[in-house]
């Protein structure tokens, strides 16, 4: 199954960090909700009023987002976050 976000929404696959910096395995139930993820799909860049909104991110970008923003969606054993572009904090470059 594939999802195409509508309007100015972005589909993100959150990073799953399972090992601490010291090498200790952290159970998934004890992990904090990640705030960094990879952009999987982007909408067409329109607001709900049909005004054109330029999309600032593209598929493959690594982004930071607000902690409680968006909706979680489970697809084929993976959890994604569907979020509005305005709730993104920034793009991470390496």
PDB file of N, CA and C in Angstrom:
ATOM      1  N   UNK A   1       0.835  -1.171   0.000  1.00  0.00           N
ATOM      2  CA  UNK A   1       0.000   0.000   0.000  1.00  0.00           C
ATOM      3  C   UNK A   1       0.885   1.241   0.000  1.00  0.00           C
ATOM      4  N   UNK A   2       0.502   2.247  -0.783  1.00  0.00           N
ATOM      5  CA  UNK A   2       1.213   3.512  -0.833  1.00  0.00           C
ATOM      6  C   UNK A   2       0.256   4.634  -0.456  1.00  0.00           C
ATOM      7  N   UNK A   3       0.799   5.689   0.122  1.00  0.00           N
ATOM      8  CA  UNK A   3       0.002   6.850   0.487  1.00  0.00           C
ATOM      9  C   UNK A   3       0.599   8.083  -0.169  1.00  0.00           C
ATOM     10  N   UNK A   4      -0.231   8.884  -0.807  1.00  0.00           N
ATOM     11  CA  UNK A   4       0.172  10.164  -1.379  1.00  0.00           C
ATOM     12  C   UNK A   4      -0.457  11.254  -0.517  1.00  0.00           C
ATOM     13  N   UNK A   5       0.344  12.028   0.232  1.00  0.00           N
ATOM     14  CA  UNK A   5      -0.218  13.093   1.057  1.00  0.00           C
ATOM     15  C   UNK A   5      -0.910  14.155   0.203  1.00  0.00           C
ATOM     16  N   UNK A   6      -1.961  14.739   0.743  1.00  0.00           N
ATOM     17  CA  UNK A   6      -2.673  15.804   0.063  1.00  0.00           C
ATOM     18  C   UNK A   6      -2.213  17.166   0.580  1.00  0.00           C
ATOM     19  N   UNK A   7      -2.419  18.178  -0.238  1.00  0.00           N
ATOM     20  CA  UNK A   7      -2.148  19.572   0.103  1.00  0.00           C
ATOM     21  C   UNK A   7      -0.684  19.781   0.516  1.00  0.00           C
ATOM     22  N   UNK A   8      -0.456  20.328   1.721  1.00  0.00           N
ATOM     23  CA  UNK A   8       0.906  20.647   2.163  1.00  0.00           C
ATOM     24  C   UNK A   8       1.394  19.647   3.214  1.00  0.00           C
ATOM     25  N   UNK A   9       0.952  18.409   3.089  1.00  0.00           N
ATOM     26  CA  UNK A   9       1.342  17.394   4.073  1.00  0.00           C
ATOM     27  C   UNK A   9       2.540  16.580   3.591  1.00  0.00           C
ATOM     28  N   UNK A  10       3.245  16.004   4.578  1.00  0.00           N
ATOM     29  CA  UNK A  10       4.468  15.248   4.321  1.00  0.00           C
ATOM     30  C   UNK A  10       4.371  13.924   5.068  1.00  0.00           C
ATOM     31  N   UNK A  11       4.752  12.820   4.427  1.00  0.00           N
ATOM     32  CA  UNK A  11       4.786  11.503   5.060  1.00  0.00           C
ATOM     33  C   UNK A  11       6.218  11.214   5.470  1.00  0.00           C
ATOM     34  N   UNK A  12       6.436  10.940   6.767  1.00  0.00           N
ATOM     35  CA  UNK A  12       7.774  10.760   7.320  1.00  0.00           C
ATOM     36  C   UNK A  12       7.902   9.376   7.938  1.00  0.00           C
ATOM     37  N   UNK A  13       9.050   8.742   7.724  1.00  0.00           N
ATOM     38  CA  UNK A  13       9.402   7.502   8.406  1.00  0.00           C
ATOM     39  C   UNK A  13      10.367   7.871   9.521  1.00  0.00           C
ATOM     40  N   UNK A  14       9.914   7.849  10.794  1.00  0.00           N
ATOM     41  CA  UNK A  14      10.782   8.249  11.902  1.00  0.00           C
ATOM     42  C   UNK A  14      11.976   7.308  12.048  1.00  0.00           C
ATOM     43  N   UNK A  15      13.095   7.876  12.475  1.00  0.00           N
ATOM     44  CA  UNK A  15      14.271   7.050  12.756  1.00  0.00           C
ATOM     45  C   UNK A  15      14.010   6.275  14.034  1.00  0.00           C
ATOM     46  N   UNK A  16      14.408   5.031  14.053  1.00  0.00           N
ATOM     47  CA  UNK A  16      14.250   4.186  15.227  1.00  0.00           C
ATOM     48  C   UNK A  16      15.620   3.934  15.836  1.00  0.00           C
ATOM     49  N   UNK A  17      15.929   4.630  16.915  1.00  0.00           N
ATOM     50  CA  UNK A  17      17.213   4.448  17.594  1.00  0.00           C
ATOM     51  C   UNK A  17      17.017   3.398  18.675  1.00  0.00           C
ATOM     52  N   UNK A  18      17.715   2.281  18.554  1.00  0.00           N
ATOM     53  CA  UNK A  18      17.503   1.176  19.476  1.00  0.00           C
ATOM     54  C   UNK A  18      18.698   0.897  20.381  1.00  0.00           C
ATOM     55  N   UNK A  19      19.798   1.613  20.173  1.00  0.00           N
ATOM     56  CA  UNK A  19      20.990   1.391  20.991  1.00  0.00           C
ATOM     57  C   UNK A  19      21.443   2.732  21.545  1.00  0.00           C
ATOM     58  N   UNK A  20      21.757   2.765  22.848  1.00  0.00           N
ATOM     59  CA  UNK A  20      22.233   3.996  23.460  1.00  0.00           C
ATOM     60  C   UNK A  20      23.656   4.278  23.008  1.00  0.00           C
ATOM     61  N   UNK A  21      24.175   5.473  23.343  1.00  0.00           N
ATOM     62  CA  UNK A  21      25.541   5.838  22.952  1.00  0.00           C
ATOM     63  C   UNK A  21      26.574   4.912  23.569  1.00  0.00           C
ATOM     64  N   UNK A  22      26.259   4.338  24.725  1.00  0.00           N
ATOM     65  CA  UNK A  22      27.202   3.429  25.371  1.00  0.00           C
ATOM     66  C   UNK A  22      27.054   1.991  24.890  1.00  0.00           C
ATOM     67  N   UNK A  23      26.127   1.752  23.939  1.00  0.00           N
ATOM     68  CA  UNK A  23      25.978   0.431  23.353  1.00  0.00           C
ATOM     69  C   UNK A  23      24.916  -0.443  23.991  1.00  0.00           C
ATOM     70  N   UNK A  24      24.125   0.106  24.908  1.00  0.00           N
ATOM     71  CA  UNK A  24      23.087  -0.664  25.583  1.00  0.00           C
ATOM     72  C   UNK A  24      21.831  -0.684  24.722  1.00  0.00           C
ATOM     73  N   UNK A  25      21.262  -1.875  24.511  1.00  0.00           N
ATOM     74  CA  UNK A  25      20.033  -2.030  23.734  1.00  0.00           C
ATOM     75  C   UNK A  25      18.856  -1.498  24.544  1.00  0.00           C
ATOM     76  N   UNK A  26      18.082  -0.590  23.960  1.00  0.00           N
ATOM     77  CA  UNK A  26      16.936   0.012  24.636  1.00  0.00           C
ATOM     78  C   UNK A  26      15.666  -0.630  24.098  1.00  0.00           C
ATOM     79  N   UNK A  27      14.826  -1.210  24.978  1.00  0.00           N
ATOM     80  CA  UNK A  27      13.574  -1.803  24.499  1.00  0.00           C
ATOM     81  C   UNK A  27      12.692  -0.742  23.859  1.00  0.00           C
ATOM     82  N   UNK A  28      11.913  -1.120  22.845  1.00  0.00           N
ATOM     83  CA  UNK A  28      11.099  -0.173  22.106  1.00  0.00           C
ATOM     84  C   UNK A  28      10.078   0.522  23.004  1.00  0.00           C
ATOM     85  N   UNK A  29       9.589  -0.171  24.039  1.00  0.00           N
ATOM     86  CA  UNK A  29       8.604   0.437  24.934  1.00  0.00           C
ATOM     87  C   UNK A  29       9.205   1.557  25.773  1.00  0.00           C
ATOM     88  N   UNK A  30      10.526   1.562  25.950  1.00  0.00           N
ATOM     89  CA  UNK A  30      11.187   2.586  26.758  1.00  0.00           C
ATOM     90  C   UNK A  30      11.754   3.723  25.920  1.00  0.00           C
ATOM     91  N   UNK A  31      11.681   3.606  24.612  1.00  0.00           N
ATOM     92  CA  UNK A  31      12.242   4.629  23.745  1.00  0.00           C
ATOM     93  C   UNK A  31      11.317   5.834  23.650  1.00  0.00           C
ATOM     94  N   UNK A  32      11.923   7.014  23.608  1.00  0.00           N
ATOM     95  CA  UNK A  32      11.155   8.236  23.422  1.00  0.00           C
ATOM     96  C   UNK A  32      10.767   8.363  21.956  1.00  0.00           C
ATOM     97  N   UNK A  33       9.626   9.000  21.694  1.00  0.00           N
ATOM     98  CA  UNK A  33       9.173   9.225  20.317  1.00  0.00           C
ATOM     99  C   UNK A  33      10.240   9.994  19.541  1.00  0.00           C
ATOM    100  N   UNK A  34      10.718   9.486  18.414  1.00  0.00           N
ATOM    101  CA  UNK A  34      11.745  10.191  17.647  1.00  0.00           C
ATOM    102  C   UNK A  34      11.204  11.472  17.042  1.00  0.00           C
ATOM    103  N   UNK A  35      12.076  12.451  16.892  1.00  0.00           N
ATOM    104  CA  UNK A  35      11.691  13.721  16.305  1.00  0.00           C
ATOM    105  C   UNK A  35      12.475  13.989  15.036  1.00  0.00           C
ATOM    106  N   UNK A  36      13.113  12.952  14.519  1.00  0.00           N
ATOM    107  CA  UNK A  36      13.861  13.036  13.267  1.00  0.00           C
ATOM    108  C   UNK A  36      13.386  11.892  12.385  1.00  0.00           C
ATOM    109  N   UNK A  37      13.224  12.183  11.096  1.00  0.00           N
ATOM    110  CA  UNK A  37      12.794  11.129  10.193  1.00  0.00           C
ATOM    111  C   UNK A  37      13.091  11.471   8.753  1.00  0.00           C
ATOM    112  N   UNK A  38      12.888  10.483   7.893  1.00  0.00           N
ATOM    113  CA  UNK A  38      13.140  10.622   6.461  1.00  0.00           C
ATOM    114  C   UNK A  38      11.829  10.855   5.730  1.00  0.00           C
ATOM    115  N   UNK A  39      11.824  11.837   4.825  1.00  0.00           N
ATOM    116  CA  UNK A  39      10.634  12.146   4.041  1.00  0.00           C
ATOM    117  C   UNK A  39      10.434  11.038   3.006  1.00  0.00           C
ATOM    118  N   UNK A  40       9.242  10.432   3.011  1.00  0.00           N
ATOM    119  CA  UNK A  40       8.913   9.339   2.105  1.00  0.00           C
ATOM    120  C   UNK A  40       8.070   9.838   0.933  1.00  0.00           C
ATOM    121  N   UNK A  41       7.126  10.738   1.200  1.00  0.00           N
ATOM    122  CA  UNK A  41       6.250  11.316   0.174  1.00  0.00           C
ATOM    123  C   UNK A  41       5.902  12.740   0.574  1.00  0.00           C
ATOM    124  N   UNK A  42       5.618  13.587  -0.412  1.00  0.00           N
ATOM    125  CA  UNK A  42       5.173  14.958  -0.147  1.00  0.00           C
ATOM    126  C   UNK A  42       3.908  15.249  -0.952  1.00  0.00           C
ATOM    127  N   UNK A  43       3.106  16.167  -0.427  1.00  0.00           N
ATOM    128  CA  UNK A  43       1.891  16.584  -1.126  1.00  0.00           C
ATOM    129  C   UNK A  43       2.217  17.515  -2.283  1.00  0.00           C
ATOM    130  N   UNK A  44       1.167  18.004  -2.942  1.00  0.00           N
ATOM    131  CA  UNK A  44       1.332  18.851  -4.115  1.00  0.00           C
ATOM    132  C   UNK A  44       1.639  20.302  -3.779  1.00  0.00           C
ATOM    133  N   UNK A  45       1.532  20.692  -2.522  1.00  0.00           N
ATOM    134  CA  UNK A  45       1.878  22.046  -2.126  1.00  0.00           C
ATOM    135  C   UNK A  45       0.755  23.036  -2.264  1.00  0.00           C
ATOM    136  N   UNK A  46      -0.446  22.670  -1.831  1.00  0.00           N
ATOM    137  CA  UNK A  46      -1.574  23.586  -1.818  1.00  0.00           C
ATOM    138  C   UNK A  46      -2.123  23.635  -0.407  1.00  0.00           C
ATOM    139  N   UNK A  47      -2.634  24.799  -0.013  1.00  0.00           N
ATOM    140  CA  UNK A  47      -3.302  24.883   1.276  1.00  0.00           C
ATOM    141  C   UNK A  47      -4.742  24.398   1.085  1.00  0.00           C
ATOM    142  N   UNK A  48      -5.484  24.291   2.156  1.00  0.00           N
ATOM    143  CA  UNK A  48      -6.884  23.864   2.056  1.00  0.00           C
ATOM    144  C   UNK A  48      -7.726  24.895   1.306  1.00  0.00           C
ATOM    145  N   UNK A  49      -7.254  26.135   1.212  1.00  0.00           N
ATOM    146  CA  UNK A  49      -7.957  27.184   0.470  1.00  0.00           C
ATOM    147  C   UNK A  49      -7.543  27.201  -0.996  1.00  0.00           C
ATOM    148  N   UNK A  50      -6.763  26.197  -1.417  1.00  0.00           N
ATOM    149  CA  UNK A  50      -6.264  26.042  -2.776  1.00  0.00           C
ATOM    150  C   UNK A  50      -5.254  27.114  -3.186  1.00  0.00           C
ATOM    151  N   UNK A  51      -4.644  27.784  -2.198  1.00  0.00           N
ATOM    152  CA  UNK A  51      -3.540  28.690  -2.490  1.00  0.00           C
ATOM    153  C   UNK A  51      -2.287  27.847  -2.657  1.00  0.00           C
ATOM    154  N   UNK A  52      -1.413  28.225  -3.564  1.00  0.00           N
ATOM    155  CA  UNK A  52      -0.189  27.467  -3.799  1.00  0.00           C
ATOM    156  C   UNK A  52       0.812  27.734  -2.677  1.00  0.00           C
ATOM    157  N   UNK A  53       1.304  26.673  -2.071  1.00  0.00           N
ATOM    158  CA  UNK A  53       2.298  26.750  -1.014  1.00  0.00           C
ATOM    159  C   UNK A  53       3.533  26.002  -1.511  1.00  0.00           C
ATOM    160  N   UNK A  54       4.659  26.644  -1.548  1.00  0.00           N
ATOM    161  CA  UNK A  54       5.875  25.973  -1.999  1.00  0.00           C
ATOM    162  C   UNK A  54       6.332  24.927  -0.996  1.00  0.00           C
ATOM    163  N   UNK A  55       6.572  23.721  -1.469  1.00  0.00           N
ATOM    164  CA  UNK A  55       7.062  22.661  -0.589  1.00  0.00           C
ATOM    165  C   UNK A  55       8.563  22.858  -0.388  1.00  0.00           C
ATOM    166  N   UNK A  56       8.981  22.914   0.864  1.00  0.00           N
ATOM    167  CA  UNK A  56      10.375  23.174   1.220  1.00  0.00           C
ATOM    168  C   UNK A  56      11.190  21.892   1.371  1.00  0.00           C
ATOM    169  N   UNK A  57      10.530  20.729   1.347  1.00  0.00           N
ATOM    170  CA  UNK A  57      11.225  19.453   1.500  1.00  0.00           C
ATOM    171  C   UNK A  57      10.924  18.557   0.305  1.00  0.00           C
ATOM    172  N   UNK A  58      11.788  17.572   0.106  1.00  0.00           N
ATOM    173  CA  UNK A  58      11.619  16.618  -0.993  1.00  0.00           C
ATOM    174  C   UNK A  58      11.797  15.201  -0.447  1.00  0.00           C
ATOM    175  N   UNK A  59      11.367  14.237  -1.214  1.00  0.00           N
ATOM    176  CA  UNK A  59      11.528  12.829  -0.842  1.00  0.00           C
ATOM    177  C   UNK A  59      13.011  12.547  -0.614  1.00  0.00           C
ATOM    178  N   UNK A  60      13.322  11.902   0.497  1.00  0.00           N
ATOM    179  CA  UNK A  60      14.700  11.557   0.835  1.00  0.00           C
ATOM    180  C   UNK A  60      15.339  12.504   1.837  1.00  0.00           C
ATOM    181  N   UNK A  61      14.751  13.680   2.066  1.00  0.00           N
ATOM    182  CA  UNK A  61      15.307  14.624   3.046  1.00  0.00           C
ATOM    183  C   UNK A  61      15.179  14.068   4.452  1.00  0.00           C
ATOM    184  N   UNK A  62      16.167  14.362   5.289  1.00  0.00           N
ATOM    185  CA  UNK A  62      16.121  14.027   6.706  1.00  0.00           C
ATOM    186  C   UNK A  62      15.653  15.281   7.430  1.00  0.00           C
ATOM    187  N   UNK A  63      14.542  15.189   8.161  1.00  0.00           N
ATOM    188  CA  UNK A  63      13.926  16.370   8.756  1.00  0.00           C
ATOM    189  C   UNK A  63      13.726  16.216  10.259  1.00  0.00           C
ATOM    190  N   UNK A  64      13.621  17.360  10.929  1.00  0.00           N
ATOM    191  CA  UNK A  64      13.238  17.422  12.335  1.00  0.00           C
ATOM    192  C   UNK A  64      11.810  17.947  12.372  1.00  0.00           C
ATOM    193  N   UNK A  65      11.012  17.446  13.337  1.00  0.00           N
ATOM    194  CA  UNK A  65       9.626  17.880  13.426  1.00  0.00           C
ATOM    195  C   UNK A  65       9.216  18.043  14.876  1.00  0.00           C
ATOM    196  N   UNK A  66       8.133  18.804  15.093  1.00  0.00           N
ATOM    197  CA  UNK A  66       7.612  19.023  16.438  1.00  0.00           C
ATOM    198  C   UNK A  66       7.194  17.698  17.064  1.00  0.00           C
ATOM    199  N   UNK A  67       7.432  17.561  18.345  1.00  0.00           N
ATOM    200  CA  UNK A  67       7.230  16.305  19.062  1.00  0.00           C
ATOM    201  C   UNK A  67       5.809  15.741  18.971  1.00  0.00           C
ATOM    202  N   UNK A  68       4.803  16.570  19.119  1.00  0.00           N
ATOM    203  CA  UNK A  68       3.429  16.067  19.173  1.00  0.00           C
ATOM    204  C   UNK A  68       2.634  16.365  17.904  1.00  0.00           C
ATOM    205  N   UNK A  69       3.311  16.709  16.826  1.00  0.00           N
ATOM    206  CA  UNK A  69       2.627  17.056  15.574  1.00  0.00           C
ATOM    207  C   UNK A  69       2.327  15.814  14.744  1.00  0.00           C
ATOM    208  N   UNK A  70       1.303  15.901  13.927  1.00  0.00           N
ATOM    209  CA  UNK A  70       1.008  14.851  12.953  1.00  0.00           C
ATOM    210  C   UNK A  70       0.222  13.687  13.508  1.00  0.00           C
ATOM    211  N   UNK A  71      -0.032  12.737  12.616  1.00  0.00           N
ATOM    212  CA  UNK A  71      -0.780  11.526  12.942  1.00  0.00           C
ATOM    213  C   UNK A  71       0.061  10.307  12.590  1.00  0.00           C
ATOM    214  N   UNK A  72       0.094   9.336  13.493  1.00  0.00           N
ATOM    215  CA  UNK A  72       0.803   8.088  13.210  1.00  0.00           C
ATOM    216  C   UNK A  72      -0.059   7.194  12.341  1.00  0.00           C
ATOM    217  N   UNK A  73       0.588   6.534  11.368  1.00  0.00           N
ATOM    218  CA  UNK A  73      -0.089   5.609  10.464  1.00  0.00           C
ATOM    219  C   UNK A  73       0.760   4.351  10.381  1.00  0.00           C
ATOM    220  N   UNK A  74       0.155   3.183  10.561  1.00  0.00           N
ATOM    221  CA  UNK A  74       0.884   1.923  10.439  1.00  0.00           C
ATOM    222  C   UNK A  74       0.578   1.296   9.095  1.00  0.00           C
ATOM    223  N   UNK A  75       1.637   0.998   8.336  1.00  0.00           N
ATOM    224  CA  UNK A  75       1.504   0.356   7.034  1.00  0.00           C
ATOM    225  C   UNK A  75       2.542  -0.761   6.966  1.00  0.00           C
ATOM    226  N   UNK A  76       2.074  -1.990   6.805  1.00  0.00           N
ATOM    227  CA  UNK A  76       2.958  -3.145   6.650  1.00  0.00           C
ATOM    228  C   UNK A  76       4.067  -3.177   7.703  1.00  0.00           C
ATOM    229  N   UNK A  77       3.698  -3.133   8.967  1.00  0.00           N
ATOM    230  CA  UNK A  77       4.610  -3.236  10.113  1.00  0.00           C
ATOM    231  C   UNK A  77       5.557  -2.053  10.269  1.00  0.00           C
ATOM    232  N   UNK A  78       5.320  -0.949   9.587  1.00  0.00           N
ATOM    233  CA  UNK A  78       6.119   0.264   9.767  1.00  0.00           C
ATOM    234  C   UNK A  78       5.188   1.373  10.231  1.00  0.00           C
ATOM    235  N   UNK A  79       5.685   2.229  11.111  1.00  0.00           N
ATOM    236  CA  UNK A  79       4.908   3.353  11.606  1.00  0.00           C
ATOM    237  C   UNK A  79       5.425   4.630  10.963  1.00  0.00           C
ATOM    238  N   UNK A  80       4.538   5.339  10.288  1.00  0.00           N
ATOM    239  CA  UNK A  80       4.858   6.605   9.628  1.00  0.00           C
ATOM    240  C   UNK A  80       4.159   7.738  10.365  1.00  0.00           C
ATOM    241  N   UNK A  81       4.591   8.960  10.091  1.00  0.00           N
ATOM    242  CA  UNK A  81       3.916  10.138  10.618  1.00  0.00           C
ATOM    243  C   UNK A  81       3.495  10.995   9.439  1.00  0.00           C
ATOM    244  N   UNK A  82       2.212  11.343   9.393  1.00  0.00           N
ATOM    245  CA  UNK A  82       1.683  12.240   8.377  1.00  0.00           C
ATOM    246  C   UNK A  82       1.548  13.610   9.037  1.00  0.00           C
ATOM    247  N   UNK A  83       2.270  14.585   8.508  1.00  0.00           N
ATOM    248  CA  UNK A  83       2.436  15.857   9.192  1.00  0.00           C
ATOM    249  C   UNK A  83       2.280  17.006   8.205  1.00  0.00           C
ATOM    250  N   UNK A  84       1.821  18.149   8.682  1.00  0.00           N
ATOM    251  CA  UNK A  84       1.755  19.334   7.837  1.00  0.00           C
ATOM    252  C   UNK A  84       3.149  19.944   7.752  1.00  0.00           C
ATOM    253  N   UNK A  85       3.462  20.525   6.620  1.00  0.00           N
ATOM    254  CA  UNK A  85       4.786  21.100   6.400  1.00  0.00           C
ATOM    255  C   UNK A  85       5.134  22.161   7.448  1.00  0.00           C
ATOM    256  N   UNK A  86       4.148  22.894   7.929  1.00  0.00           N
ATOM    257  CA  UNK A  86       4.403  23.958   8.906  1.00  0.00           C
ATOM    258  C   UNK A  86       4.922  23.413  10.238  1.00  0.00           C
ATOM    259  N   UNK A  87       4.681  22.120  10.523  1.00  0.00           N
ATOM    260  CA  UNK A  87       5.153  21.504  11.753  1.00  0.00           C
ATOM    261  C   UNK A  87       6.565  20.954  11.654  1.00  0.00           C
ATOM    262  N   UNK A  88       7.185  21.092  10.488  1.00  0.00           N
ATOM    263  CA  UNK A  88       8.592  20.707  10.342  1.00  0.00           C
ATOM    264  C   UNK A  88       9.456  21.822  10.914  1.00  0.00           C
ATOM    265  N   UNK A  89      10.547  21.439  11.578  1.00  0.00           N
ATOM    266  CA  UNK A  89      11.437  22.424  12.198  1.00  0.00           C
ATOM    267  C   UNK A  89      12.608  22.743  11.272  1.00  0.00           C
ATOM    268  N   UNK A  90      13.131  21.729  10.586  1.00  0.00           N
ATOM    269  CA  UNK A  90      14.257  21.967   9.707  1.00  0.00           C
ATOM    270  C   UNK A  90      14.685  20.719   8.964  1.00  0.00           C
ATOM    271  N   UNK A  91      15.598  20.917   8.014  1.00  0.00           N
ATOM    272  CA  UNK A  91      16.173  19.828   7.234  1.00  0.00           C
ATOM    273  C   UNK A  91      17.597  19.615   7.734  1.00  0.00           C
ATOM    274  N   UNK A  92      17.983  18.358   7.921  1.00  0.00           N
ATOM    275  CA  UNK A  92      19.318  18.015   8.420  1.00  0.00           C
ATOM    276  C   UNK A  92      20.221  17.677   7.250  1.00  0.00           C
ATOM    277  N   UNK A  93      21.350  18.362   7.172  1.00  0.00           N
ATOM    278  CA  UNK A  93      22.349  18.111   6.126  1.00  0.00           C
ATOM    279  C   UNK A  93      23.588  17.513   6.768  1.00  0.00           C
ATOM    280  N   UNK A  94      24.230  16.590   6.075  1.00  0.00           N
ATOM    281  CA  UNK A  94      25.459  15.979   6.598  1.00  0.00           C
ATOM    282  C   UNK A  94      26.645  16.432   5.798  1.00  0.00           C
TER     283      UNK A  94
END
